[in-house]
Amino acid sequence: LKAEYLIPIFIGELLEHGKISVKVLKTNDTWY
């Protein structure tokens, strides 16, 4: 009744098994 298929959790499982590589793009309102 409550199980959810969530992208962050699924991607986390792929990362754990080395099946995906995800680049983190830092977003921050810099002066530039």
Full PDB file with SEQRES, HELIX, SHEET, SSBOND, CRYST1, ORIGX, SCALE, CONECT and MASTER records, all heavy atoms in Angstrom:
SEQRES   1 A   32  LEU LYS ALA GLU TYR LEU ILE PRO ILE PHE ILE GLY GLU          
SEQRES   2 A   32  LEU LEU GLU HIS GLY LYS ILE SER VAL LYS VAL LEU LYS          
SEQRES   3 A   32  THR ASN ASP THR TRP TYR                                      
HELIX    1 AA1 ILE A    7  GLU A   16  1                                  10    
CRYST1    1.000    1.000    1.000  90.00  90.00  90.00 P 1           1          
ORIGX1      1.000000  0.000000  0.000000        0.00000                         
ORIGX2      0.000000  1.000000  0.000000        0.00000                         
ORIGX3      0.000000  0.000000  1.000000        0.00000                         
SCALE1      1.000000  0.000000  0.000000        0.00000                         
SCALE2      0.000000  1.000000  0.000000        0.00000                         
SCALE3      0.000000  0.000000  1.000000        0.00000                         
ATOM      1  N   LEU A   1       0.803  -1.224   0.000  1.00  0.00           N  
ATOM      2  CA  LEU A   1       0.000   0.000   0.000  1.00  0.00           C  
ATOM      3  C   LEU A   1       0.837   1.276   0.000  1.00  0.00           C  
ATOM      4  O   LEU A   1       0.349   2.336  -0.413  1.00  0.00           O  
ATOM      5  CB  LEU A   1      -0.941   0.016   1.211  1.00  0.00           C  
ATOM      6  CG  LEU A   1      -1.940  -1.133   1.305  1.00  0.00           C  
ATOM      7  CD1 LEU A   1      -2.873  -0.943   2.498  1.00  0.00           C  
ATOM      8  CD2 LEU A   1      -2.745  -1.268   0.017  1.00  0.00           C  
ATOM      9  N   LYS A   2       2.101   1.191   0.432  1.00  0.00           N  
ATOM     10  CA  LYS A   2       2.889   2.427   0.577  1.00  0.00           C  
ATOM     11  C   LYS A   2       4.246   2.411  -0.108  1.00  0.00           C  
ATOM     12  O   LYS A   2       4.917   3.443  -0.154  1.00  0.00           O  
ATOM     13  CB  LYS A   2       3.082   2.748   2.064  1.00  0.00           C  
ATOM     14  CG  LYS A   2       1.797   3.102   2.789  1.00  0.00           C  
ATOM     15  CD  LYS A   2       2.072   3.529   4.223  1.00  0.00           C  
ATOM     16  CE  LYS A   2       0.785   3.937   4.935  1.00  0.00           C  
ATOM     17  NZ  LYS A   2       1.054   4.379   6.336  1.00  0.00           N  
ATOM     18  N   ALA A   3       4.686   1.293  -0.632  1.00  0.00           N  
ATOM     19  CA  ALA A   3       6.001   1.227  -1.275  1.00  0.00           C  
ATOM     20  C   ALA A   3       6.058   2.213  -2.445  1.00  0.00           C  
ATOM     21  O   ALA A   3       5.118   2.326  -3.233  1.00  0.00           O  
ATOM     22  CB  ALA A   3       6.274  -0.187  -1.756  1.00  0.00           C  
ATOM     23  N   GLU A   4       7.197   2.953  -2.539  1.00  0.00           N  
ATOM     24  CA  GLU A   4       7.351   3.945  -3.606  1.00  0.00           C  
ATOM     25  C   GLU A   4       8.640   3.702  -4.384  1.00  0.00           C  
ATOM     26  O   GLU A   4       9.675   3.364  -3.803  1.00  0.00           O  
ATOM     27  CB  GLU A   4       7.380   5.364  -3.034  1.00  0.00           C  
ATOM     28  CG  GLU A   4       6.052   5.864  -2.523  1.00  0.00           C  
ATOM     29  CD  GLU A   4       6.128   7.324  -2.116  1.00  0.00           C  
ATOM     30  OE1 GLU A   4       6.581   7.591  -0.985  1.00  0.00           O  
ATOM     31  OE2 GLU A   4       5.752   8.206  -2.915  1.00  0.00           O  
ATOM     32  N   TYR A   5       8.541   3.904  -5.675  1.00  0.00           N  
ATOM     33  CA  TYR A   5       9.685   3.757  -6.576  1.00  0.00           C  
ATOM     34  C   TYR A   5      10.227   5.167  -6.842  1.00  0.00           C  
ATOM     35  O   TYR A   5       9.694   5.902  -7.682  1.00  0.00           O  
ATOM     36  CB  TYR A   5       9.235   3.085  -7.871  1.00  0.00           C  
ATOM     37  CG  TYR A   5      10.350   2.737  -8.835  1.00  0.00           C  
ATOM     38  CD1 TYR A   5      11.490   2.056  -8.415  1.00  0.00           C  
ATOM     39  CD2 TYR A   5      10.246   3.083 -10.175  1.00  0.00           C  
ATOM     40  CE1 TYR A   5      12.495   1.721  -9.303  1.00  0.00           C  
ATOM     41  CE2 TYR A   5      11.245   2.750 -11.082  1.00  0.00           C  
ATOM     42  CZ  TYR A   5      12.369   2.065 -10.639  1.00  0.00           C  
ATOM     43  OH  TYR A   5      13.367   1.738 -11.525  1.00  0.00           O  
ATOM     44  N   LEU A   6      11.285   5.529  -6.115  1.00  0.00           N  
ATOM     45  CA  LEU A   6      11.781   6.903  -6.136  1.00  0.00           C  
ATOM     46  C   LEU A   6      13.116   6.991  -6.885  1.00  0.00           C  
ATOM     47  O   LEU A   6      14.011   6.157  -6.686  1.00  0.00           O  
ATOM     48  CB  LEU A   6      11.955   7.426  -4.713  1.00  0.00           C  
ATOM     49  CG  LEU A   6      10.697   7.379  -3.845  1.00  0.00           C  
ATOM     50  CD1 LEU A   6      11.019   7.804  -2.414  1.00  0.00           C  
ATOM     51  CD2 LEU A   6       9.607   8.283  -4.426  1.00  0.00           C  
ATOM     52  N   ILE A   7      13.252   8.002  -7.714  1.00  0.00           N  
ATOM     53  CA  ILE A   7      14.460   8.165  -8.524  1.00  0.00           C  
ATOM     54  C   ILE A   7      15.727   8.268  -7.667  1.00  0.00           C  
ATOM     55  O   ILE A   7      16.728   7.589  -7.959  1.00  0.00           O  
ATOM     56  CB  ILE A   7      14.323   9.386  -9.461  1.00  0.00           C  
ATOM     57  CG1 ILE A   7      13.326   9.061 -10.569  1.00  0.00           C  
ATOM     58  CG2 ILE A   7      15.671   9.762 -10.071  1.00  0.00           C  
ATOM     59  CD1 ILE A   7      13.101  10.196 -11.537  1.00  0.00           C  
ATOM     60  N   PRO A   8      15.750   9.110  -6.619  1.00  0.00           N  
ATOM     61  CA  PRO A   8      16.993   9.202  -5.828  1.00  0.00           C  
ATOM     62  C   PRO A   8      17.431   7.865  -5.245  1.00  0.00           C  
ATOM     63  O   PRO A   8      18.628   7.543  -5.235  1.00  0.00           O  
ATOM     64  CB  PRO A   8      16.641  10.204  -4.726  1.00  0.00           C  
ATOM     65  CG  PRO A   8      15.505  10.999  -5.281  1.00  0.00           C  
ATOM     66  CD  PRO A   8      14.728  10.039  -6.118  1.00  0.00           C  
ATOM     67  N   ILE A   9      16.469   7.082  -4.760  1.00  0.00           N  
ATOM     68  CA  ILE A   9      16.808   5.786  -4.170  1.00  0.00           C  
ATOM     69  C   ILE A   9      17.299   4.821  -5.240  1.00  0.00           C  
ATOM     70  O   ILE A   9      18.291   4.101  -5.055  1.00  0.00           O  
ATOM     71  CB  ILE A   9      15.591   5.208  -3.420  1.00  0.00           C  
ATOM     72  CG1 ILE A   9      15.284   6.074  -2.183  1.00  0.00           C  
ATOM     73  CG2 ILE A   9      15.842   3.760  -3.011  1.00  0.00           C  
ATOM     74  CD1 ILE A   9      14.065   5.634  -1.413  1.00  0.00           C  
ATOM     75  N   PHE A  10      16.621   4.820  -6.395  1.00  0.00           N  
ATOM     76  CA  PHE A  10      17.034   3.931  -7.482  1.00  0.00           C  
ATOM     77  C   PHE A  10      18.429   4.280  -7.986  1.00  0.00           C  
ATOM     78  O   PHE A  10      19.270   3.400  -8.195  1.00  0.00           O  
ATOM     79  CB  PHE A  10      16.017   4.003  -8.627  1.00  0.00           C  
ATOM     80  CG  PHE A  10      16.386   3.157  -9.808  1.00  0.00           C  
ATOM     81  CD1 PHE A  10      16.466   1.775  -9.691  1.00  0.00           C  
ATOM     82  CD2 PHE A  10      16.679   3.741 -11.038  1.00  0.00           C  
ATOM     83  CE1 PHE A  10      16.815   0.984 -10.790  1.00  0.00           C  
ATOM     84  CE2 PHE A  10      17.024   2.961 -12.135  1.00  0.00           C  
ATOM     85  CZ  PHE A  10      17.089   1.580 -12.007  1.00  0.00           C  
ATOM     86  N   ILE A  11      18.693   5.580  -8.161  1.00  0.00           N  
ATOM     87  CA  ILE A  11      20.027   6.003  -8.603  1.00  0.00           C  
ATOM     88  C   ILE A  11      21.068   5.649  -7.541  1.00  0.00           C  
ATOM     89  O   ILE A  11      22.190   5.248  -7.862  1.00  0.00           O  
ATOM     90  CB  ILE A  11      20.043   7.506  -8.924  1.00  0.00           C  
ATOM     91  CG1 ILE A  11      19.258   7.761 -10.218  1.00  0.00           C  
ATOM     92  CG2 ILE A  11      21.473   8.035  -9.049  1.00  0.00           C  
ATOM     93  CD1 ILE A  11      19.203   9.200 -10.648  1.00  0.00           C  
ATOM     94  N   GLY A  12      20.685   5.774  -6.271  1.00  0.00           N  
ATOM     95  CA  GLY A  12      21.595   5.375  -5.195  1.00  0.00           C  
ATOM     96  C   GLY A  12      21.969   3.902  -5.284  1.00  0.00           C  
ATOM     97  O   GLY A  12      23.137   3.523  -5.062  1.00  0.00           O  
ATOM     98  N   GLU A  13      21.002   3.060  -5.624  1.00  0.00           N  
ATOM     99  CA  GLU A  13      21.274   1.621  -5.780  1.00  0.00           C  
ATOM    100  C   GLU A  13      22.193   1.370  -6.973  1.00  0.00           C  
ATOM    101  O   GLU A  13      23.094   0.521  -6.908  1.00  0.00           O  
ATOM    102  CB  GLU A  13      19.948   0.868  -5.951  1.00  0.00           C  
ATOM    103  CG  GLU A  13      19.083   0.884  -4.705  1.00  0.00           C  
ATOM    104  CD  GLU A  13      17.702   0.301  -4.946  1.00  0.00           C  
ATOM    105  OE1 GLU A  13      17.388   0.005  -6.126  1.00  0.00           O  
ATOM    106  OE2 GLU A  13      16.927   0.152  -3.979  1.00  0.00           O  
ATOM    107  N   LEU A  14      21.970   2.110  -8.071  1.00  0.00           N  
ATOM    108  CA  LEU A  14      22.839   1.963  -9.243  1.00  0.00           C  
ATOM    109  C   LEU A  14      24.268   2.388  -8.910  1.00  0.00           C  
ATOM    110  O   LEU A  14      25.237   1.750  -9.338  1.00  0.00           O  
ATOM    111  CB  LEU A  14      22.294   2.797 -10.402  1.00  0.00           C  
ATOM    112  CG  LEU A  14      20.951   2.371 -10.994  1.00  0.00           C  
ATOM    113  CD1 LEU A  14      20.526   3.357 -12.094  1.00  0.00           C  
ATOM    114  CD2 LEU A  14      21.016   0.954 -11.563  1.00  0.00           C  
ATOM    115  N   LEU A  15      24.396   3.479  -8.139  1.00  0.00           N  
ATOM    116  CA  LEU A  15      25.731   3.938  -7.731  1.00  0.00           C  
ATOM    117  C   LEU A  15      26.429   2.890  -6.876  1.00  0.00           C  
ATOM    118  O   LEU A  15      27.631   2.623  -7.037  1.00  0.00           O  
ATOM    119  CB  LEU A  15      25.608   5.257  -6.950  1.00  0.00           C  
ATOM    120  CG  LEU A  15      25.243   6.514  -7.737  1.00  0.00           C  
ATOM    121  CD1 LEU A  15      24.912   7.646  -6.778  1.00  0.00           C  
ATOM    122  CD2 LEU A  15      26.382   6.927  -8.662  1.00  0.00           C  
ATOM    123  N   GLU A  16      25.671   2.302  -5.976  1.00  0.00           N  
ATOM    124  CA  GLU A  16      26.238   1.305  -5.064  1.00  0.00           C  
ATOM    125  C   GLU A  16      26.807   0.108  -5.822  1.00  0.00           C  
ATOM    126  O   GLU A  16      27.823  -0.470  -5.418  1.00  0.00           O  
ATOM    127  CB  GLU A  16      25.152   0.840  -4.088  1.00  0.00           C  
ATOM    128  CG  GLU A  16      25.651  -0.074  -2.988  1.00  0.00           C  
ATOM    129  CD  GLU A  16      24.555  -0.475  -2.012  1.00  0.00           C  
ATOM    130  OE1 GLU A  16      23.465   0.139  -2.064  1.00  0.00           O  
ATOM    131  OE2 GLU A  16      24.788  -1.394  -1.213  1.00  0.00           O  
ATOM    132  N   HIS A  17      26.174  -0.223  -6.943  1.00  0.00           N  
ATOM    133  CA  HIS A  17      26.624  -1.385  -7.721  1.00  0.00           C  
ATOM    134  C   HIS A  17      27.493  -0.973  -8.916  1.00  0.00           C  
ATOM    135  O   HIS A  17      27.808  -1.810  -9.773  1.00  0.00           O  
ATOM    136  CB  HIS A  17      25.412  -2.185  -8.208  1.00  0.00           C  
ATOM    137  CG  HIS A  17      24.633  -2.845  -7.111  1.00  0.00           C  
ATOM    138  ND1 HIS A  17      23.565  -2.244  -6.472  1.00  0.00           N  
ATOM    139  CD2 HIS A  17      24.800  -4.057  -6.503  1.00  0.00           C  
ATOM    140  CE1 HIS A  17      23.082  -3.061  -5.544  1.00  0.00           C  
ATOM    141  NE2 HIS A  17      23.819  -4.171  -5.537  1.00  0.00           N  
ATOM    142  N   GLY A  18      27.864   0.288  -8.963  1.00  0.00           N  
ATOM    143  CA  GLY A  18      28.746   0.754 -10.020  1.00  0.00           C  
ATOM    144  C   GLY A  18      28.133   0.729 -11.409  1.00  0.00           C  
ATOM    145  O   GLY A  18      28.847   0.614 -12.410  1.00  0.00           O  
ATOM    146  N   LYS A  19      26.817   0.869 -11.490  1.00  0.00           N  
ATOM    147  CA  LYS A  19      26.131   0.783 -12.783  1.00  0.00           C  
ATOM    148  C   LYS A  19      25.838   2.151 -13.404  1.00  0.00           C  
ATOM    149  O   LYS A  19      25.268   2.219 -14.494  1.00  0.00           O  
ATOM    150  CB  LYS A  19      24.816   0.009 -12.620  1.00  0.00           C  
ATOM    151  CG  LYS A  19      25.013  -1.451 -12.246  1.00  0.00           C  
ATOM    152  CD  LYS A  19      23.676  -2.170 -12.135  1.00  0.00           C  
ATOM    153  CE  LYS A  19      23.867  -3.637 -11.808  1.00  0.00           C  
ATOM    154  NZ  LYS A  19      22.563  -4.365 -11.704  1.00  0.00           N  
ATOM    155  N   ILE A  20      26.197   3.221 -12.708  1.00  0.00           N  
ATOM    156  CA  ILE A  20      25.948   4.562 -13.229  1.00  0.00           C  
ATOM    157  C   ILE A  20      26.968   5.528 -12.640  1.00  0.00           C  
ATOM    158  O   ILE A  20      27.491   5.288 -11.536  1.00  0.00           O  
ATOM    159  CB  ILE A  20      24.506   5.044 -12.896  1.00  0.00           C  
ATOM    160  CG1 ILE A  20      24.120   6.270 -13.730  1.00  0.00           C  
ATOM    161  CG2 ILE A  20      24.367   5.328 -11.409  1.00  0.00           C  
ATOM    162  CD1 ILE A  20      22.669   6.684 -13.539  1.00  0.00           C  
ATOM    163  N   SER A  21      27.253   6.566 -13.371  1.00  0.00           N  
ATOM    164  CA  SER A  21      28.115   7.637 -12.869  1.00  0.00           C  
ATOM    165  C   SER A  21      27.332   8.940 -12.990  1.00  0.00           C  
ATOM    166  O   SER A  21      26.817   9.258 -14.065  1.00  0.00           O  
ATOM    167  CB  SER A  21      29.409   7.715 -13.690  1.00  0.00           C  
ATOM    168  OG  SER A  21      30.198   8.815 -13.281  1.00  0.00           O  
ATOM    169  N   VAL A  22      27.229   9.661 -11.891  1.00  0.00           N  
ATOM    170  CA  VAL A  22      26.431  10.895 -11.869  1.00  0.00           C  
ATOM    171  C   VAL A  22      27.321  12.055 -11.445  1.00  0.00           C  
ATOM    172  O   VAL A  22      27.915  12.040 -10.364  1.00  0.00           O  
ATOM    173  CB  VAL A  22      25.237  10.775 -10.895  1.00  0.00           C  
ATOM    174  CG1 VAL A  22      24.439  12.075 -10.867  1.00  0.00           C  
ATOM    175  CG2 VAL A  22      24.339   9.612 -11.298  1.00  0.00           C  
ATOM    176  N   LYS A  23      27.412  13.051 -12.290  1.00  0.00           N  
ATOM    177  CA  LYS A  23      28.194  14.246 -11.980  1.00  0.00           C  
ATOM    178  C   LYS A  23      27.314  15.238 -11.209  1.00  0.00           C  
ATOM    179  O   LYS A  23      26.189  15.512 -11.605  1.00  0.00           O  
ATOM    180  CB  LYS A  23      28.694  14.905 -13.263  1.00  0.00           C  
ATOM    181  CG  LYS A  23      29.583  16.126 -13.049  1.00  0.00           C  
ATOM    182  CD  LYS A  23      30.944  15.738 -12.481  1.00  0.00           C  
ATOM    183  CE  LYS A  23      31.802  15.031 -13.503  1.00  0.00           C  
ATOM    184  NZ  LYS A  23      33.177  14.768 -12.994  1.00  0.00           N  
ATOM    185  N   VAL A  24      27.848  15.754 -10.104  1.00  0.00           N  
ATOM    186  CA  VAL A  24      27.125  16.761  -9.323  1.00  0.00           C  
ATOM    187  C   VAL A  24      27.549  18.146  -9.814  1.00  0.00           C  
ATOM    188  O   VAL A  24      28.733  18.486  -9.798  1.00  0.00           O  
ATOM    189  CB  VAL A  24      27.409  16.620  -7.814  1.00  0.00           C  
ATOM    190  CG1 VAL A  24      26.674  17.705  -7.029  1.00  0.00           C  
ATOM    191  CG2 VAL A  24      26.984  15.242  -7.323  1.00  0.00           C  
ATOM    192  N   LEU A  25      26.582  18.915 -10.258  1.00  0.00           N  
ATOM    193  CA  LEU A  25      26.835  20.264 -10.756  1.00  0.00           C  
ATOM    194  C   LEU A  25      26.429  21.253  -9.673  1.00  0.00           C  
ATOM    195  O   LEU A  25      25.239  21.440  -9.404  1.00  0.00           O  
ATOM    196  CB  LEU A  25      26.040  20.525 -12.039  1.00  0.00           C  
ATOM    197  CG  LEU A  25      26.177  19.467 -13.140  1.00  0.00           C  
ATOM    198  CD1 LEU A  25      25.262  19.812 -14.309  1.00  0.00           C  
ATOM    199  CD2 LEU A  25      27.622  19.347 -13.594  1.00  0.00           C  
ATOM    200  N   LYS A  26      27.408  21.872  -9.047  1.00  0.00           N  
ATOM    201  CA  LYS A  26      27.114  22.799  -7.956  1.00  0.00           C  
ATOM    202  C   LYS A  26      26.412  24.035  -8.487  1.00  0.00           C  
ATOM    203  O   LYS A  26      26.872  24.666  -9.438  1.00  0.00           O  
ATOM    204  CB  LYS A  26      28.403  23.209  -7.238  1.00  0.00           C  
ATOM    205  CG  LYS A  26      28.152  24.128  -6.046  1.00  0.00           C  
ATOM    206  CD  LYS A  26      29.450  24.464  -5.335  1.00  0.00           C  
ATOM    207  CE  LYS A  26      29.180  25.394  -4.156  1.00  0.00           C  
ATOM    208  NZ  LYS A  26      30.419  25.735  -3.426  1.00  0.00           N  
ATOM    209  N   THR A  27      25.288  24.367  -7.901  1.00  0.00           N  
ATOM    210  CA  THR A  27      24.547  25.564  -8.293  1.00  0.00           C  
ATOM    211  C   THR A  27      24.478  26.499  -7.103  1.00  0.00           C  
ATOM    212  O   THR A  27      24.008  26.146  -6.038  1.00  0.00           O  
ATOM    213  CB  THR A  27      23.118  25.210  -8.749  1.00  0.00           C  
ATOM    214  OG1 THR A  27      22.425  24.588  -7.670  1.00  0.00           O  
ATOM    215  CG2 THR A  27      23.152  24.253  -9.920  1.00  0.00           C  
ATOM    216  N   ASN A  28      24.972  27.690  -7.329  1.00  0.00           N  
ATOM    217  CA  ASN A  28      24.998  28.681  -6.253  1.00  0.00           C  
ATOM    218  C   ASN A  28      25.046  30.051  -6.890  1.00  0.00           C  
ATOM    219  O   ASN A  28      25.755  30.267  -7.858  1.00  0.00           O  
ATOM    220  CB  ASN A  28      26.235  28.472  -5.372  1.00  0.00           C  
ATOM    221  CG  ASN A  28      26.212  29.349  -4.141  1.00  0.00           C  
ATOM    222  OD1 ASN A  28      25.146  29.686  -3.649  1.00  0.00           O  
ATOM    223  ND2 ASN A  28      27.370  29.730  -3.656  1.00  0.00           N  
ATOM    224  N   ASP A  29      24.261  30.986  -6.380  1.00  0.00           N  
ATOM    225  CA  ASP A  29      24.232  32.330  -6.954  1.00  0.00           C  
ATOM    226  C   ASP A  29      25.494  33.079  -6.578  1.00  0.00           C  
ATOM    227  O   ASP A  29      25.535  33.820  -5.593  1.00  0.00           O  
ATOM    228  CB  ASP A  29      22.996  33.103  -6.476  1.00  0.00           C  
ATOM    229  CG  ASP A  29      21.753  32.685  -7.219  1.00  0.00           C  
ATOM    230  OD1 ASP A  29      21.866  32.224  -8.360  1.00  0.00           O  
ATOM    231  OD2 ASP A  29      20.677  32.839  -6.651  1.00  0.00           O  
ATOM    232  N   THR A  30      26.544  32.902  -7.357  1.00  0.00           N  
ATOM    233  CA  THR A  30      27.787  33.617  -7.120  1.00  0.00           C  
ATOM    234  C   THR A  30      27.705  35.004  -7.728  1.00  0.00           C  
ATOM    235  O   THR A  30      26.787  35.324  -8.474  1.00  0.00           O  
ATOM    236  CB  THR A  30      28.955  32.857  -7.767  1.00  0.00           C  
ATOM    237  OG1 THR A  30      28.724  32.799  -9.184  1.00  0.00           O  
ATOM    238  CG2 THR A  30      29.050  31.443  -7.221  1.00  0.00           C  
ATOM    239  N   TRP A  31      28.699  35.846  -7.431  1.00  0.00           N  
ATOM    240  CA  TRP A  31      28.697  37.185  -8.007  1.00  0.00           C  
ATOM    241  C   TRP A  31      28.767  37.106  -9.526  1.00  0.00           C  
ATOM    242  O   TRP A  31      28.182  37.929 -10.222  1.00  0.00           O  
ATOM    243  CB  TRP A  31      29.878  38.001  -7.466  1.00  0.00           C  
ATOM    244  CG  TRP A  31      31.197  37.639  -8.083  1.00  0.00           C  
ATOM    245  CD1 TRP A  31      32.089  36.718  -7.632  1.00  0.00           C  
ATOM    246  CD2 TRP A  31      31.751  38.173  -9.284  1.00  0.00           C  
ATOM    247  NE1 TRP A  31      33.166  36.638  -8.470  1.00  0.00           N  
ATOM    248  CE2 TRP A  31      32.998  37.520  -9.493  1.00  0.00           C  
ATOM    249  CE3 TRP A  31      31.330  39.136 -10.201  1.00  0.00           C  
ATOM    250  CZ2 TRP A  31      33.810  37.809 -10.570  1.00  0.00           C  
ATOM    251  CZ3 TRP A  31      32.152  39.408 -11.280  1.00  0.00           C  
ATOM    252  CH2 TRP A  31      33.365  38.759 -11.461  1.00  0.00           C  
ATOM    253  N   TYR A  32      29.484  36.087 -10.051  1.00  0.00           N  
ATOM    254  CA  TYR A  32      29.601  35.953 -11.504  1.00  0.00           C  
ATOM    255  C   TYR A  32      28.239  35.683 -12.129  1.00  0.00           C  
ATOM    256  O   TYR A  32      27.881  36.251 -13.159  1.00  0.00           O  
ATOM    257  CB  TYR A  32      30.574  34.835 -11.827  1.00  0.00           C  
ATOM    258  CG  TYR A  32      30.657  34.500 -13.303  1.00  0.00           C  
ATOM    259  CD1 TYR A  32      31.213  35.418 -14.203  1.00  0.00           C  
ATOM    260  CD2 TYR A  32      30.182  33.294 -13.789  1.00  0.00           C  
ATOM    261  CE1 TYR A  32      31.290  35.117 -15.551  1.00  0.00           C  
ATOM    262  CE2 TYR A  32      30.259  32.992 -15.130  1.00  0.00           C  
ATOM    263  CZ  TYR A  32      30.820  33.910 -16.003  1.00  0.00           C  
ATOM    264  OH  TYR A  32      30.890  33.609 -17.336  1.00  0.00           O  
TER     265      TYR A  32                                                      
MASTER        0    0    0    1    0    0    0    6  264    1    0    3          
END                                                                             
